[in-house]
Full PDB file with SEQRES, HELIX, SHEET, SSBOND, CRYST1, ORIGX, SCALE, CONECT and MASTER records, all heavy atoms in Angstrom:
SEQRES   1 A   33  TRP LYS THR LYS ASP ILE LEU GLU ILE HIS LYS ASN CYS          
SEQRES   2 A   33  PRO PRO ALA GLU ILE GLY ILE LYS GLY GLU THR LEU GLY          
SEQRES   3 A   33  HIS LEU GLU GLU LEU ALA LYS                                  
HELIX    1 AA1 THR A    3  ASN A   12  1                                  10    
HELIX    2 AA2 GLY A   19  LEU A   25  1                                   7    
HELIX    3 AA3 LEU A   28  LEU A   31  1                                   4    
CRYST1    1.000    1.000    1.000  90.00  90.00  90.00 P 1           1          
ORIGX1      1.000000  0.000000  0.000000        0.00000                         
ORIGX2      0.000000  1.000000  0.000000        0.00000                         
ORIGX3      0.000000  0.000000  1.000000        0.00000                         
SCALE1      1.000000  0.000000  0.000000        0.00000                         
SCALE2      0.000000  1.000000  0.000000        0.00000                         
SCALE3      0.000000  0.000000  1.000000        0.00000                         
ATOM      1  N   TRP A   1       1.061  -4.070  -8.558  1.00  0.00           N  
ATOM      2  CA  TRP A   1       1.501  -4.139  -9.947  1.00  0.00           C  
ATOM      3  C   TRP A   1       0.945  -5.392 -10.609  1.00  0.00           C  
ATOM      4  O   TRP A   1       0.939  -6.467  -9.996  1.00  0.00           O  
ATOM      5  CB  TRP A   1       3.027  -4.204 -10.034  1.00  0.00           C  
ATOM      6  CG  TRP A   1       3.731  -2.898 -10.092  1.00  0.00           C  
ATOM      7  CD1 TRP A   1       4.282  -2.206  -9.054  1.00  0.00           C  
ATOM      8  CD2 TRP A   1       3.988  -2.114 -11.264  1.00  0.00           C  
ATOM      9  NE1 TRP A   1       4.866  -1.039  -9.490  1.00  0.00           N  
ATOM     10  CE2 TRP A   1       4.710  -0.960 -10.853  1.00  0.00           C  
ATOM     11  CE3 TRP A   1       3.701  -2.273 -12.626  1.00  0.00           C  
ATOM     12  CZ2 TRP A   1       5.123   0.017 -11.757  1.00  0.00           C  
ATOM     13  CZ3 TRP A   1       4.109  -1.295 -13.519  1.00  0.00           C  
ATOM     14  CH2 TRP A   1       4.810  -0.166 -13.079  1.00  0.00           C  
ATOM     15  N   LYS A   2       0.506  -5.279 -11.853  1.00  0.00           N  
ATOM     16  CA  LYS A   2       0.280  -6.473 -12.651  1.00  0.00           C  
ATOM     17  C   LYS A   2       1.650  -7.082 -12.928  1.00  0.00           C  
ATOM     18  O   LYS A   2       2.536  -6.415 -13.461  1.00  0.00           O  
ATOM     19  CB  LYS A   2      -0.442  -6.122 -13.947  1.00  0.00           C  
ATOM     20  CG  LYS A   2      -1.903  -5.701 -13.728  1.00  0.00           C  
ATOM     21  CD  LYS A   2      -2.607  -5.358 -15.034  1.00  0.00           C  
ATOM     22  CE  LYS A   2      -4.061  -4.990 -14.765  1.00  0.00           C  
ATOM     23  NZ  LYS A   2      -4.762  -4.559 -16.009  1.00  0.00           N  
ATOM     24  N   THR A   3       1.819  -8.316 -12.548  1.00  0.00           N  
ATOM     25  CA  THR A   3       3.139  -8.944 -12.568  1.00  0.00           C  
ATOM     26  C   THR A   3       3.772  -8.917 -13.954  1.00  0.00           C  
ATOM     27  O   THR A   3       4.966  -8.603 -14.097  1.00  0.00           O  
ATOM     28  CB  THR A   3       3.043 -10.391 -12.059  1.00  0.00           C  
ATOM     29  OG1 THR A   3       2.444 -10.397 -10.752  1.00  0.00           O  
ATOM     30  CG2 THR A   3       4.408 -11.038 -11.984  1.00  0.00           C  
ATOM     31  N   LYS A   4       3.000  -9.214 -14.967  1.00  0.00           N  
ATOM     32  CA  LYS A   4       3.557  -9.260 -16.322  1.00  0.00           C  
ATOM     33  C   LYS A   4       4.083  -7.895 -16.756  1.00  0.00           C  
ATOM     34  O   LYS A   4       5.062  -7.813 -17.516  1.00  0.00           O  
ATOM     35  CB  LYS A   4       2.509  -9.772 -17.318  1.00  0.00           C  
ATOM     36  CG  LYS A   4       1.285  -8.883 -17.467  1.00  0.00           C  
ATOM     37  CD  LYS A   4       0.307  -9.455 -18.466  1.00  0.00           C  
ATOM     38  CE  LYS A   4      -0.935  -8.581 -18.620  1.00  0.00           C  
ATOM     39  NZ  LYS A   4      -0.637  -7.202 -19.079  1.00  0.00           N  
ATOM     40  N   ASP A   5       3.474  -6.823 -16.274  1.00  0.00           N  
ATOM     41  CA  ASP A   5       3.879  -5.486 -16.702  1.00  0.00           C  
ATOM     42  C   ASP A   5       5.154  -5.020 -16.003  1.00  0.00           C  
ATOM     43  O   ASP A   5       6.049  -4.453 -16.641  1.00  0.00           O  
ATOM     44  CB  ASP A   5       2.750  -4.485 -16.459  1.00  0.00           C  
ATOM     45  CG  ASP A   5       1.560  -4.745 -17.377  1.00  0.00           C  
ATOM     46  OD1 ASP A   5       1.739  -5.414 -18.406  1.00  0.00           O  
ATOM     47  OD2 ASP A   5       0.447  -4.276 -17.058  1.00  0.00           O  
ATOM     48  N   ILE A   6       5.255  -5.243 -14.706  1.00  0.00           N  
ATOM     49  CA  ILE A   6       6.485  -4.828 -14.022  1.00  0.00           C  
ATOM     50  C   ILE A   6       7.656  -5.692 -14.478  1.00  0.00           C  
ATOM     51  O   ILE A   6       8.794  -5.204 -14.589  1.00  0.00           O  
ATOM     52  CB  ILE A   6       6.319  -4.857 -12.479  1.00  0.00           C  
ATOM     53  CG1 ILE A   6       7.514  -4.155 -11.817  1.00  0.00           C  
ATOM     54  CG2 ILE A   6       6.116  -6.264 -11.956  1.00  0.00           C  
ATOM     55  CD1 ILE A   6       7.341  -3.939 -10.327  1.00  0.00           C  
ATOM     56  N   LEU A   7       7.408  -6.953 -14.805  1.00  0.00           N  
ATOM     57  CA  LEU A   7       8.464  -7.799 -15.358  1.00  0.00           C  
ATOM     58  C   LEU A   7       8.897  -7.290 -16.724  1.00  0.00           C  
ATOM     59  O   LEU A   7      10.097  -7.227 -17.032  1.00  0.00           O  
ATOM     60  CB  LEU A   7       7.985  -9.246 -15.456  1.00  0.00           C  
ATOM     61  CG  LEU A   7       8.954 -10.240 -16.110  1.00  0.00           C  
ATOM     62  CD1 LEU A   7      10.297 -10.274 -15.392  1.00  0.00           C  
ATOM     63  CD2 LEU A   7       8.334 -11.632 -16.148  1.00  0.00           C  
ATOM     64  N   GLU A   8       7.941  -6.884 -17.539  1.00  0.00           N  
ATOM     65  CA  GLU A   8       8.261  -6.393 -18.880  1.00  0.00           C  
ATOM     66  C   GLU A   8       9.090  -5.118 -18.820  1.00  0.00           C  
ATOM     67  O   GLU A   8       9.996  -4.911 -19.640  1.00  0.00           O  
ATOM     68  CB  GLU A   8       6.967  -6.152 -19.667  1.00  0.00           C  
ATOM     69  CG  GLU A   8       7.165  -5.921 -21.152  1.00  0.00           C  
ATOM     70  CD  GLU A   8       7.668  -7.156 -21.891  1.00  0.00           C  
ATOM     71  OE1 GLU A   8       7.564  -8.274 -21.346  1.00  0.00           O  
ATOM     72  OE2 GLU A   8       8.181  -6.988 -23.020  1.00  0.00           O  
ATOM     73  N   ILE A   9       8.806  -4.258 -17.855  1.00  0.00           N  
ATOM     74  CA  ILE A   9       9.600  -3.044 -17.685  1.00  0.00           C  
ATOM     75  C   ILE A   9      11.053  -3.393 -17.414  1.00  0.00           C  
ATOM     76  O   ILE A   9      11.974  -2.832 -18.015  1.00  0.00           O  
ATOM     77  CB  ILE A   9       9.028  -2.184 -16.541  1.00  0.00           C  
ATOM     78  CG1 ILE A   9       7.671  -1.602 -16.940  1.00  0.00           C  
ATOM     79  CG2 ILE A   9       9.992  -1.053 -16.167  1.00  0.00           C  
ATOM     80  CD1 ILE A   9       6.917  -0.962 -15.790  1.00  0.00           C  
ATOM     81  N   HIS A  10      11.279  -4.339 -16.506  1.00  0.00           N  
ATOM     82  CA  HIS A  10      12.652  -4.716 -16.173  1.00  0.00           C  
ATOM     83  C   HIS A  10      13.343  -5.454 -17.321  1.00  0.00           C  
ATOM     84  O   HIS A  10      14.559  -5.356 -17.479  1.00  0.00           O  
ATOM     85  CB  HIS A  10      12.672  -5.551 -14.897  1.00  0.00           C  
ATOM     86  CG  HIS A  10      12.411  -4.756 -13.655  1.00  0.00           C  
ATOM     87  ND1 HIS A  10      11.139  -4.405 -13.254  1.00  0.00           N  
ATOM     88  CD2 HIS A  10      13.249  -4.204 -12.748  1.00  0.00           C  
ATOM     89  CE1 HIS A  10      11.211  -3.691 -12.147  1.00  0.00           C  
ATOM     90  NE2 HIS A  10      12.476  -3.557 -11.817  1.00  0.00           N  
ATOM     91  N   LYS A  11      12.578  -6.170 -18.124  1.00  0.00           N  
ATOM     92  CA  LYS A  11      13.171  -6.824 -19.287  1.00  0.00           C  
ATOM     93  C   LYS A  11      13.649  -5.806 -20.317  1.00  0.00           C  
ATOM     94  O   LYS A  11      14.590  -6.069 -21.064  1.00  0.00           O  
ATOM     95  CB  LYS A  11      12.144  -7.764 -19.935  1.00  0.00           C  
ATOM     96  CG  LYS A  11      11.924  -9.064 -19.191  1.00  0.00           C  
ATOM     97  CD  LYS A  11      10.934  -9.945 -19.943  1.00  0.00           C  
ATOM     98  CE  LYS A  11      10.763 -11.301 -19.276  1.00  0.00           C  
ATOM     99  NZ  LYS A  11       9.790 -12.147 -20.004  1.00  0.00           N  
ATOM    100  N   ASN A  12      13.004  -4.663 -20.371  1.00  0.00           N  
ATOM    101  CA  ASN A  12      13.322  -3.647 -21.374  1.00  0.00           C  
ATOM    102  C   ASN A  12      14.193  -2.514 -20.842  1.00  0.00           C  
ATOM    103  O   ASN A  12      14.599  -1.643 -21.612  1.00  0.00           O  
ATOM    104  CB  ASN A  12      12.026  -3.070 -21.942  1.00  0.00           C  
ATOM    105  CG  ASN A  12      11.340  -4.004 -22.916  1.00  0.00           C  
ATOM    106  OD1 ASN A  12      11.634  -4.009 -24.104  1.00  0.00           O  
ATOM    107  ND2 ASN A  12      10.434  -4.823 -22.398  1.00  0.00           N  
ATOM    108  N   CYS A  13      14.456  -2.522 -19.551  1.00  0.00           N  
ATOM    109  CA  CYS A  13      15.254  -1.448 -18.957  1.00  0.00           C  
ATOM    110  C   CYS A  13      16.750  -1.724 -19.156  1.00  0.00           C  
ATOM    111  O   CYS A  13      17.188  -2.868 -19.039  1.00  0.00           O  
ATOM    112  CB  CYS A  13      14.940  -1.328 -17.475  1.00  0.00           C  
ATOM    113  SG  CYS A  13      15.611   0.173 -16.709  1.00  0.00           S  
ATOM    114  N   PRO A  14      17.532  -0.701 -19.441  1.00  0.00           N  
ATOM    115  CA  PRO A  14      18.994  -0.892 -19.540  1.00  0.00           C  
ATOM    116  C   PRO A  14      19.564  -1.348 -18.198  1.00  0.00           C  
ATOM    117  O   PRO A  14      18.919  -1.198 -17.155  1.00  0.00           O  
ATOM    118  CB  PRO A  14      19.511   0.508 -19.904  1.00  0.00           C  
ATOM    119  CG  PRO A  14      18.332   1.259 -20.404  1.00  0.00           C  
ATOM    120  CD  PRO A  14      17.140   0.690 -19.700  1.00  0.00           C  
ATOM    121  N   PRO A  15      20.760  -1.904 -18.192  1.00  0.00           N  
ATOM    122  CA  PRO A  15      21.404  -2.260 -16.923  1.00  0.00           C  
ATOM    123  C   PRO A  15      21.463  -1.051 -16.001  1.00  0.00           C  
ATOM    124  O   PRO A  15      21.881   0.033 -16.405  1.00  0.00           O  
ATOM    125  CB  PRO A  15      22.812  -2.701 -17.359  1.00  0.00           C  
ATOM    126  CG  PRO A  15      22.638  -3.155 -18.767  1.00  0.00           C  
ATOM    127  CD  PRO A  15      21.587  -2.254 -19.360  1.00  0.00           C  
ATOM    128  N   ALA A  16      21.022  -1.230 -14.776  1.00  0.00           N  
ATOM    129  CA  ALA A  16      20.929  -0.107 -13.838  1.00  0.00           C  
ATOM    130  C   ALA A  16      20.995  -0.616 -12.416  1.00  0.00           C  
ATOM    131  O   ALA A  16      20.908  -1.818 -12.152  1.00  0.00           O  
ATOM    132  CB  ALA A  16      19.625   0.668 -14.068  1.00  0.00           C  
ATOM    133  N   GLU A  17      21.120   0.326 -11.490  1.00  0.00           N  
ATOM    134  CA  GLU A  17      21.212   0.013 -10.069  1.00  0.00           C  
ATOM    135  C   GLU A  17      20.196   0.854  -9.298  1.00  0.00           C  
ATOM    136  O   GLU A  17      19.418   1.621  -9.882  1.00  0.00           O  
ATOM    137  CB  GLU A  17      22.632   0.301  -9.562  1.00  0.00           C  
ATOM    138  CG  GLU A  17      23.715  -0.561 -10.183  1.00  0.00           C  
ATOM    139  CD  GLU A  17      23.682  -2.012  -9.727  1.00  0.00           C  
ATOM    140  OE1 GLU A  17      22.916  -2.315  -8.785  1.00  0.00           O  
ATOM    141  OE2 GLU A  17      24.429  -2.823 -10.285  1.00  0.00           O  
ATOM    142  N   ILE A  18      20.208   0.707  -7.981  1.00  0.00           N  
ATOM    143  CA  ILE A  18      19.375   1.526  -7.108  1.00  0.00           C  
ATOM    144  C   ILE A  18      20.252   2.076  -5.992  1.00  0.00           C  
ATOM    145  O   ILE A  18      21.393   1.662  -5.829  1.00  0.00           O  
ATOM    146  CB  ILE A  18      18.188   0.730  -6.506  1.00  0.00           C  
ATOM    147  CG1 ILE A  18      18.693  -0.491  -5.724  1.00  0.00           C  
ATOM    148  CG2 ILE A  18      17.213   0.315  -7.594  1.00  0.00           C  
ATOM    149  CD1 ILE A  18      17.597  -1.203  -4.943  1.00  0.00           C  
ATOM    150  N   GLY A  19      19.690   3.012  -5.213  1.00  0.00           N  
ATOM    151  CA  GLY A  19      20.427   3.557  -4.081  1.00  0.00           C  
ATOM    152  C   GLY A  19      21.692   4.285  -4.509  1.00  0.00           C  
ATOM    153  O   GLY A  19      21.749   4.932  -5.555  1.00  0.00           O  
ATOM    154  N   ILE A  20      22.724   4.169  -3.695  1.00  0.00           N  
ATOM    155  CA  ILE A  20      23.984   4.872  -3.948  1.00  0.00           C  
ATOM    156  C   ILE A  20      24.618   4.411  -5.259  1.00  0.00           C  
ATOM    157  O   ILE A  20      25.163   5.216  -6.020  1.00  0.00           O  
ATOM    158  CB  ILE A  20      24.951   4.661  -2.765  1.00  0.00           C  
ATOM    159  CG1 ILE A  20      24.376   5.290  -1.491  1.00  0.00           C  
ATOM    160  CG2 ILE A  20      26.313   5.263  -3.071  1.00  0.00           C  
ATOM    161  CD1 ILE A  20      25.194   5.034  -0.248  1.00  0.00           C  
ATOM    162  N   LYS A  21      24.539   3.120  -5.566  1.00  0.00           N  
ATOM    163  CA  LYS A  21      25.114   2.620  -6.819  1.00  0.00           C  
ATOM    164  C   LYS A  21      24.462   3.278  -8.026  1.00  0.00           C  
ATOM    165  O   LYS A  21      25.108   3.511  -9.048  1.00  0.00           O  
ATOM    166  CB  LYS A  21      24.955   1.101  -6.912  1.00  0.00           C  
ATOM    167  CG  LYS A  21      25.892   0.301  -6.031  1.00  0.00           C  
ATOM    168  CD  LYS A  21      25.725  -1.176  -6.304  1.00  0.00           C  
ATOM    169  CE  LYS A  21      26.704  -2.015  -5.503  1.00  0.00           C  
ATOM    170  NZ  LYS A  21      26.542  -3.465  -5.787  1.00  0.00           N  
ATOM    171  N   GLY A  22      23.181   3.563  -7.913  1.00  0.00           N  
ATOM    172  CA  GLY A  22      22.471   4.175  -9.024  1.00  0.00           C  
ATOM    173  C   GLY A  22      22.966   5.560  -9.372  1.00  0.00           C  
ATOM    174  O   GLY A  22      22.818   6.019 -10.509  1.00  0.00           O  
ATOM    175  N   GLU A  23      23.568   6.235  -8.398  1.00  0.00           N  
ATOM    176  CA  GLU A  23      24.064   7.587  -8.639  1.00  0.00           C  
ATOM    177  C   GLU A  23      25.221   7.611  -9.622  1.00  0.00           C  
ATOM    178  O   GLU A  23      25.446   8.609 -10.310  1.00  0.00           O  
ATOM    179  CB  GLU A  23      24.476   8.218  -7.302  1.00  0.00           C  
ATOM    180  CG  GLU A  23      23.304   8.419  -6.338  1.00  0.00           C  
ATOM    181  CD  GLU A  23      23.740   8.921  -4.967  1.00  0.00           C  
ATOM    182  OE1 GLU A  23      24.953   9.220  -4.820  1.00  0.00           O  
ATOM    183  OE2 GLU A  23      22.896   8.986  -4.054  1.00  0.00           O  
ATOM    184  N   THR A  24      25.958   6.510  -9.701  1.00  0.00           N  
ATOM    185  CA  THR A  24      27.108   6.462 -10.610  1.00  0.00           C  
ATOM    186  C   THR A  24      26.899   5.508 -11.786  1.00  0.00           C  
ATOM    187  O   THR A  24      27.493   5.695 -12.845  1.00  0.00           O  
ATOM    188  CB  THR A  24      28.377   6.026  -9.849  1.00  0.00           C  
ATOM    189  OG1 THR A  24      28.135   4.771  -9.186  1.00  0.00           O  
ATOM    190  CG2 THR A  24      28.754   7.073  -8.808  1.00  0.00           C  
ATOM    191  N   LEU A  25      26.066   4.494 -11.625  1.00  0.00           N  
ATOM    192  CA  LEU A  25      25.895   3.468 -12.655  1.00  0.00           C  
ATOM    193  C   LEU A  25      24.560   3.553 -13.377  1.00  0.00           C  
ATOM    194  O   LEU A  25      24.245   2.698 -14.195  1.00  0.00           O  
ATOM    195  CB  LEU A  25      26.060   2.075 -12.031  1.00  0.00           C  
ATOM    196  CG  LEU A  25      27.404   1.821 -11.360  1.00  0.00           C  
ATOM    197  CD1 LEU A  25      27.416   0.458 -10.667  1.00  0.00           C  
ATOM    198  CD2 LEU A  25      28.537   1.880 -12.388  1.00  0.00           C  
ATOM    199  N   GLY A  26      23.781   4.594 -13.093  1.00  0.00           N  
ATOM    200  CA  GLY A  26      22.467   4.735 -13.705  1.00  0.00           C  
ATOM    201  C   GLY A  26      21.394   4.200 -12.797  1.00  0.00           C  
ATOM    202  O   GLY A  26      21.472   3.059 -12.312  1.00  0.00           O  
ATOM    203  N   HIS A  27      20.402   5.017 -12.513  1.00  0.00           N  
ATOM    204  CA  HIS A  27      19.364   4.652 -11.543  1.00  0.00           C  
ATOM    205  C   HIS A  27      18.158   4.056 -12.256  1.00  0.00           C  
ATOM    206  O   HIS A  27      17.563   4.681 -13.125  1.00  0.00           O  
ATOM    207  CB  HIS A  27      18.938   5.881 -10.747  1.00  0.00           C  
ATOM    208  CG  HIS A  27      18.382   5.549  -9.407  1.00  0.00           C  
ATOM    209  ND1 HIS A  27      17.220   4.839  -9.238  1.00  0.00           N  
ATOM    210  CD2 HIS A  27      18.833   5.811  -8.150  1.00  0.00           C  
ATOM    211  CE1 HIS A  27      16.965   4.685  -7.951  1.00  0.00           C  
ATOM    212  NE2 HIS A  27      17.934   5.250  -7.272  1.00  0.00           N  
ATOM    213  N   LEU A  28      17.798   2.834 -11.874  1.00  0.00           N  
ATOM    214  CA  LEU A  28      16.692   2.139 -12.529  1.00  0.00           C  
ATOM    215  C   LEU A  28      15.409   2.954 -12.467  1.00  0.00           C  
ATOM    216  O   LEU A  28      14.658   3.003 -13.450  1.00  0.00           O  
ATOM    217  CB  LEU A  28      16.470   0.762 -11.892  1.00  0.00           C  
ATOM    218  CG  LEU A  28      15.309  -0.019 -12.520  1.00  0.00           C  
ATOM    219  CD1 LEU A  28      15.711  -1.451 -12.823  1.00  0.00           C  
ATOM    220  CD2 LEU A  28      14.075  -0.017 -11.609  1.00  0.00           C  
ATOM    221  N   GLU A  29      15.150   3.591 -11.354  1.00  0.00           N  
ATOM    222  CA  GLU A  29      13.889   4.315 -11.208  1.00  0.00           C  
ATOM    223  C   GLU A  29      13.762   5.437 -12.236  1.00  0.00           C  
ATOM    224  O   GLU A  29      12.662   5.775 -12.660  1.00  0.00           O  
ATOM    225  CB  GLU A  29      13.757   4.878  -9.795  1.00  0.00           C  
ATOM    226  CG  GLU A  29      12.338   5.236  -9.417  1.00  0.00           C  
ATOM    227  CD  GLU A  29      12.168   5.464  -7.933  1.00  0.00           C  
ATOM    228  OE1 GLU A  29      13.133   5.901  -7.285  1.00  0.00           O  
ATOM    229  OE2 GLU A  29      11.072   5.196  -7.421  1.00  0.00           O  
ATOM    230  N   GLU A  30      14.882   6.008 -12.657  1.00  0.00           N  
ATOM    231  CA  GLU A  30      14.862   7.046 -13.689  1.00  0.00           C  
ATOM    232  C   GLU A  30      14.817   6.444 -15.090  1.00  0.00           C  
ATOM    233  O   GLU A  30      14.038   6.878 -15.945  1.00  0.00           O  
ATOM    234  CB  GLU A  30      16.079   7.955 -13.533  1.00  0.00           C  
ATOM    235  CG  GLU A  30      16.031   8.839 -12.314  1.00  0.00           C  
ATOM    236  CD  GLU A  30      14.805   9.750 -12.291  1.00  0.00           C  
ATOM    237  OE1 GLU A  30      14.457  10.303 -13.362  1.00  0.00           O  
ATOM    238  OE2 GLU A  30      14.186   9.886 -11.221  1.00  0.00           O  
ATOM    239  N   LEU A  31      15.643   5.449 -15.350  1.00  0.00           N  
ATOM    240  CA  LEU A  31      15.688   4.835 -16.674  1.00  0.00           C  
ATOM    241  C   LEU A  31      14.378   4.144 -17.026  1.00  0.00           C  
ATOM    242  O   LEU A  31      13.981   4.102 -18.194  1.00  0.00           O  
ATOM    243  CB  LEU A  31      16.850   3.843 -16.744  1.00  0.00           C  
ATOM    244  CG  LEU A  31      18.254   4.457 -16.629  1.00  0.00           C  
ATOM    245  CD1 LEU A  31      19.306   3.354 -16.536  1.00  0.00           C  
ATOM    246  CD2 LEU A  31      18.542   5.370 -17.806  1.00  0.00           C  
ATOM    247  N   ALA A  32      13.700   3.604 -16.016  1.00  0.00           N  
ATOM    248  CA  ALA A  32      12.444   2.890 -16.266  1.00  0.00           C  
ATOM    249  C   ALA A  32      11.326   3.828 -16.706  1.00  0.00           C  
ATOM    250  O   ALA A  32      10.348   3.378 -17.322  1.00  0.00           O  
ATOM    251  CB  ALA A  32      12.023   2.123 -15.018  1.00  0.00           C  
ATOM    252  N   LYS A  33      11.452   5.109 -16.421  1.00  0.00           N  
ATOM    253  CA  LYS A  33      10.415   6.063 -16.830  1.00  0.00           C  
ATOM    254  C   LYS A  33      10.293   6.110 -18.355  1.00  0.00           C  
ATOM    255  O   LYS A  33       9.185   6.127 -18.910  1.00  0.00           O  
ATOM    256  CB  LYS A  33      10.724   7.447 -16.265  1.00  0.00           C  
ATOM    257  CG  LYS A  33      10.669   7.531 -14.746  1.00  0.00           C  
ATOM    258  CD  LYS A  33      11.003   8.933 -14.260  1.00  0.00           C  
ATOM    259  CE  LYS A  33      11.147   8.995 -12.745  1.00  0.00           C  
ATOM    260  NZ  LYS A  33       9.919   8.679 -12.017  1.00  0.00           N  
TER     261      LYS A  33                                                      
MASTER        0    0    0    3    0    0    0    6  260    1    0    3          
END                                                                             
């Protein structure tokens, strides 16, 4: 990843989680799309 771009994605992504937490609190991998 170009560092500035993956950082920018996370700066613009809503609060989210991964794994089991993501199933109830919103999954970052989906929201980041």
